[in-house]
Amino acid sequence: ILIDVVGELYPSRDGKGVDGKIGFVTKGELPPPMRLLPEQALKSSLGTINRTITNFAIDNFQRGARSKFQEFLLSERTAQ
């Protein structure tokens, strides 16, 4: 299954954070056992997968943003 992250972020109006929209687009073939599930069970399973992907993306963004900000602060201090 392929997962592409799409969207954009920009500085918030108050300058204290970011605003924007981020989502993901997936494409791929279901494993054979999942192909046999009734539609309602498949939707429920996919809902769980979607939440897992969303939480993973949010967690990675937050860790990456903190890390990059720390790098930025260090580079600003050494440039002075």
N, C-alpha and C. Protein backbone atom coordinates (compact mmCIF):
# COMPACT_ATOMS: atom_id res chain seq x y z
N ILE A 1 0.86 -1.18 0.00
CA ILE A 1 0.00 0.00 0.00
C ILE A 1 0.89 1.22 0.00
N LEU A 2 0.63 2.15 -0.90
CA LEU A 2 1.37 3.40 -0.99
C LEU A 2 0.63 4.48 -0.22
N ILE A 3 1.37 5.31 0.50
CA ILE A 3 0.77 6.40 1.25
C ILE A 3 1.49 7.68 0.86
N ASP A 4 0.75 8.65 0.33
CA ASP A 4 1.30 9.97 0.00
C ASP A 4 0.69 11.00 0.93
N VAL A 5 1.55 11.83 1.51
CA VAL A 5 1.07 12.92 2.36
C VAL A 5 0.90 14.14 1.48
N VAL A 6 -0.23 14.81 1.62
CA VAL A 6 -0.53 15.99 0.82
C VAL A 6 -1.00 17.12 1.72
N GLY A 7 -0.81 18.35 1.26
CA GLY A 7 -1.30 19.50 2.02
C GLY A 7 -0.26 20.59 2.10
N GLU A 8 -0.55 21.56 2.95
CA GLU A 8 0.39 22.66 3.13
C GLU A 8 0.24 23.25 4.52
N LEU A 9 1.32 23.80 5.01
CA LEU A 9 1.34 24.51 6.29
C LEU A 9 1.91 25.89 6.05
N TYR A 10 1.46 26.84 6.85
CA TYR A 10 1.97 28.21 6.76
C TYR A 10 1.91 28.82 8.15
N PRO A 11 2.70 29.88 8.39
CA PRO A 11 2.69 30.50 9.72
C PRO A 11 1.29 31.00 10.08
N SER A 12 0.92 30.80 11.34
CA SER A 12 -0.39 31.29 11.79
C SER A 12 -0.38 32.81 11.85
N ARG A 13 -1.55 33.39 11.84
CA ARG A 13 -1.66 34.85 11.84
C ARG A 13 -1.03 35.48 13.08
N ASP A 14 -1.13 34.78 14.21
CA ASP A 14 -0.55 35.34 15.44
C ASP A 14 0.94 35.04 15.57
N GLY A 15 1.49 34.28 14.63
CA GLY A 15 2.91 33.98 14.63
C GLY A 15 3.35 32.97 15.68
N LYS A 16 2.40 32.33 16.36
CA LYS A 16 2.75 31.41 17.44
C LYS A 16 2.72 29.95 17.01
N GLY A 17 2.41 29.70 15.77
CA GLY A 17 2.31 28.30 15.33
C GLY A 17 2.14 28.23 13.83
N VAL A 18 1.52 27.16 13.39
CA VAL A 18 1.24 26.96 11.98
C VAL A 18 -0.23 26.62 11.78
N ASP A 19 -0.72 26.95 10.62
CA ASP A 19 -2.07 26.57 10.19
C ASP A 19 -1.93 25.85 8.87
N GLY A 20 -2.96 25.19 8.48
CA GLY A 20 -2.95 24.52 7.19
C GLY A 20 -3.72 23.23 7.24
N LYS A 21 -3.64 22.52 6.16
CA LYS A 21 -4.32 21.23 6.07
C LYS A 21 -3.34 20.20 5.54
N ILE A 22 -3.35 19.06 6.19
CA ILE A 22 -2.52 17.95 5.75
C ILE A 22 -3.40 16.71 5.75
N GLY A 23 -3.23 15.90 4.75
CA GLY A 23 -3.98 14.66 4.66
C GLY A 23 -3.12 13.61 3.99
N PHE A 24 -3.71 12.50 3.69
CA PHE A 24 -2.97 11.46 3.00
C PHE A 24 -3.86 10.77 2.00
N VAL A 25 -3.22 10.25 0.98
CA VAL A 25 -3.89 9.52 -0.08
C VAL A 25 -3.24 8.15 -0.13
N THR A 26 -4.04 7.12 -0.13
CA THR A 26 -3.50 5.76 -0.16
C THR A 26 -3.98 5.03 -1.40
N LYS A 27 -3.17 4.09 -1.82
CA LYS A 27 -3.53 3.27 -2.99
C LYS A 27 -2.83 1.94 -2.85
N GLY A 28 -3.51 0.88 -3.16
CA GLY A 28 -2.88 -0.43 -3.11
C GLY A 28 -3.91 -1.54 -3.10
N GLU A 29 -3.41 -2.73 -3.12
CA GLU A 29 -4.28 -3.90 -3.11
C GLU A 29 -4.41 -4.43 -1.69
N LEU A 30 -5.60 -4.86 -1.37
CA LEU A 30 -5.83 -5.46 -0.05
C LEU A 30 -5.21 -6.85 -0.01
N PRO A 31 -4.67 -7.24 1.14
CA PRO A 31 -4.20 -8.62 1.29
C PRO A 31 -5.39 -9.57 1.13
N PRO A 32 -5.15 -10.76 0.59
CA PRO A 32 -6.27 -11.69 0.33
C PRO A 32 -7.25 -11.89 1.49
N PRO A 33 -6.80 -12.03 2.75
CA PRO A 33 -7.80 -12.24 3.82
C PRO A 33 -8.76 -11.05 3.97
N MET A 34 -8.26 -9.83 3.76
CA MET A 34 -9.13 -8.66 3.91
C MET A 34 -10.14 -8.54 2.77
N ARG A 35 -9.86 -9.15 1.65
CA ARG A 35 -10.78 -9.11 0.51
C ARG A 35 -12.06 -9.88 0.80
N LEU A 36 -12.02 -10.77 1.77
CA LEU A 36 -13.18 -11.59 2.10
C LEU A 36 -14.10 -10.95 3.14
N LEU A 37 -13.65 -9.85 3.74
CA LEU A 37 -14.44 -9.22 4.79
C LEU A 37 -15.71 -8.59 4.24
N PRO A 38 -16.80 -8.63 5.01
CA PRO A 38 -17.99 -7.87 4.62
C PRO A 38 -17.64 -6.37 4.60
N GLU A 39 -18.35 -5.60 3.80
CA GLU A 39 -18.03 -4.18 3.63
C GLU A 39 -17.98 -3.43 4.96
N GLN A 40 -18.92 -3.66 5.87
CA GLN A 40 -18.93 -2.96 7.14
C GLN A 40 -17.69 -3.27 7.97
N ALA A 41 -17.28 -4.53 7.99
CA ALA A 41 -16.07 -4.90 8.72
C ALA A 41 -14.84 -4.27 8.08
N LEU A 42 -14.81 -4.22 6.76
CA LEU A 42 -13.68 -3.61 6.05
C LEU A 42 -13.60 -2.12 6.35
N LYS A 43 -14.75 -1.45 6.35
CA LYS A 43 -14.76 -0.01 6.68
C LYS A 43 -14.26 0.23 8.10
N SER A 44 -14.65 -0.61 9.01
CA SER A 44 -14.20 -0.48 10.39
C SER A 44 -12.69 -0.68 10.49
N SER A 45 -12.19 -1.69 9.81
CA SER A 45 -10.75 -1.95 9.80
C SER A 45 -9.99 -0.79 9.19
N LEU A 46 -10.49 -0.28 8.08
CA LEU A 46 -9.82 0.83 7.40
C LEU A 46 -9.87 2.11 8.25
N GLY A 47 -10.93 2.28 9.02
CA GLY A 47 -10.99 3.42 9.94
C GLY A 47 -9.88 3.36 10.96
N THR A 48 -9.61 2.16 11.48
CA THR A 48 -8.52 1.98 12.43
C THR A 48 -7.17 2.26 11.77
N ILE A 49 -6.99 1.78 10.56
CA ILE A 49 -5.75 2.03 9.82
C ILE A 49 -5.58 3.53 9.56
N ASN A 50 -6.65 4.21 9.17
CA ASN A 50 -6.58 5.65 8.92
C ASN A 50 -6.17 6.42 10.19
N ARG A 51 -6.75 6.07 11.33
CA ARG A 51 -6.38 6.73 12.59
C ARG A 51 -4.92 6.47 12.93
N THR A 52 -4.45 5.26 12.69
CA THR A 52 -3.06 4.92 12.97
C THR A 52 -2.12 5.75 12.10
N ILE A 53 -2.43 5.88 10.82
CA ILE A 53 -1.61 6.69 9.91
C ILE A 53 -1.64 8.15 10.34
N THR A 54 -2.81 8.66 10.68
CA THR A 54 -2.93 10.05 11.11
C THR A 54 -2.11 10.31 12.36
N ASN A 55 -2.22 9.45 13.36
CA ASN A 55 -1.46 9.62 14.60
C ASN A 55 0.04 9.54 14.34
N PHE A 56 0.46 8.64 13.46
CA PHE A 56 1.87 8.52 13.10
C PHE A 56 2.36 9.81 12.45
N ALA A 57 1.58 10.36 11.53
CA ALA A 57 1.98 11.60 10.84
C ALA A 57 2.07 12.77 11.82
N ILE A 58 1.10 12.89 12.70
CA ILE A 58 1.11 13.98 13.69
C ILE A 58 2.32 13.86 14.61
N ASP A 59 2.57 12.66 15.10
CA ASP A 59 3.70 12.45 16.01
C ASP A 59 5.02 12.77 15.32
N ASN A 60 5.19 12.31 14.09
CA ASN A 60 6.42 12.59 13.35
C ASN A 60 6.58 14.07 13.06
N PHE A 61 5.49 14.75 12.72
CA PHE A 61 5.57 16.19 12.47
C PHE A 61 6.00 16.92 13.73
N GLN A 62 5.38 16.59 14.86
CA GLN A 62 5.71 17.28 16.11
C GLN A 62 7.16 17.05 16.50
N ARG A 63 7.63 15.81 16.39
CA ARG A 63 9.03 15.53 16.73
C ARG A 63 9.97 16.23 15.75
N GLY A 64 9.65 16.21 14.46
CA GLY A 64 10.48 16.85 13.46
C GLY A 64 10.51 18.36 13.62
N ALA A 65 9.37 18.95 13.92
CA ALA A 65 9.30 20.40 14.10
C ALA A 65 10.14 20.83 15.30
N ARG A 66 10.04 20.09 16.40
CA ARG A 66 10.85 20.42 17.58
C ARG A 66 12.34 20.30 17.28
N SER A 67 12.70 19.23 16.62
CA SER A 67 14.11 18.98 16.29
C SER A 67 14.65 20.07 15.37
N LYS A 68 13.91 20.40 14.32
CA LYS A 68 14.36 21.44 13.39
C LYS A 68 14.42 22.80 14.06
N PHE A 69 13.51 23.07 14.98
CA PHE A 69 13.54 24.35 15.68
C PHE A 69 14.78 24.42 16.58
N GLN A 70 15.10 23.33 17.24
CA GLN A 70 16.30 23.29 18.08
C GLN A 70 17.55 23.52 17.22
N GLU A 71 17.60 22.90 16.04
CA GLU A 71 18.72 23.12 15.12
C GLU A 71 18.80 24.59 14.71
N PHE A 72 17.65 25.18 14.44
CA PHE A 72 17.60 26.59 14.05
C PHE A 72 18.14 27.48 15.17
N LEU A 73 17.69 27.23 16.41
CA LEU A 73 18.17 28.03 17.54
C LEU A 73 19.67 27.91 17.72
N LEU A 74 20.18 26.69 17.58
CA LEU A 74 21.62 26.48 17.72
C LEU A 74 22.38 27.21 16.62
N SER A 75 21.90 27.17 15.41
CA SER A 75 22.59 27.87 14.31
C SER A 75 22.53 29.38 14.51
N GLU A 76 21.44 29.89 15.06
CA GLU A 76 21.33 31.33 15.32
C GLU A 76 22.29 31.75 16.41
N ARG A 77 22.45 30.93 17.42
CA ARG A 77 23.38 31.26 18.52
C ARG A 77 24.83 31.23 18.06
N THR A 78 25.16 30.27 17.23
CA THR A 78 26.55 30.18 16.76
C THR A 78 26.87 31.24 15.71
N ALA A 79 25.85 31.79 15.05
CA ALA A 79 26.07 32.81 14.04
C ALA A 79 26.30 34.17 14.67
N GLN A 80 25.94 34.32 15.94
CA GLN A 80 26.06 35.64 16.59
C GLN A 80 27.43 35.91 17.06
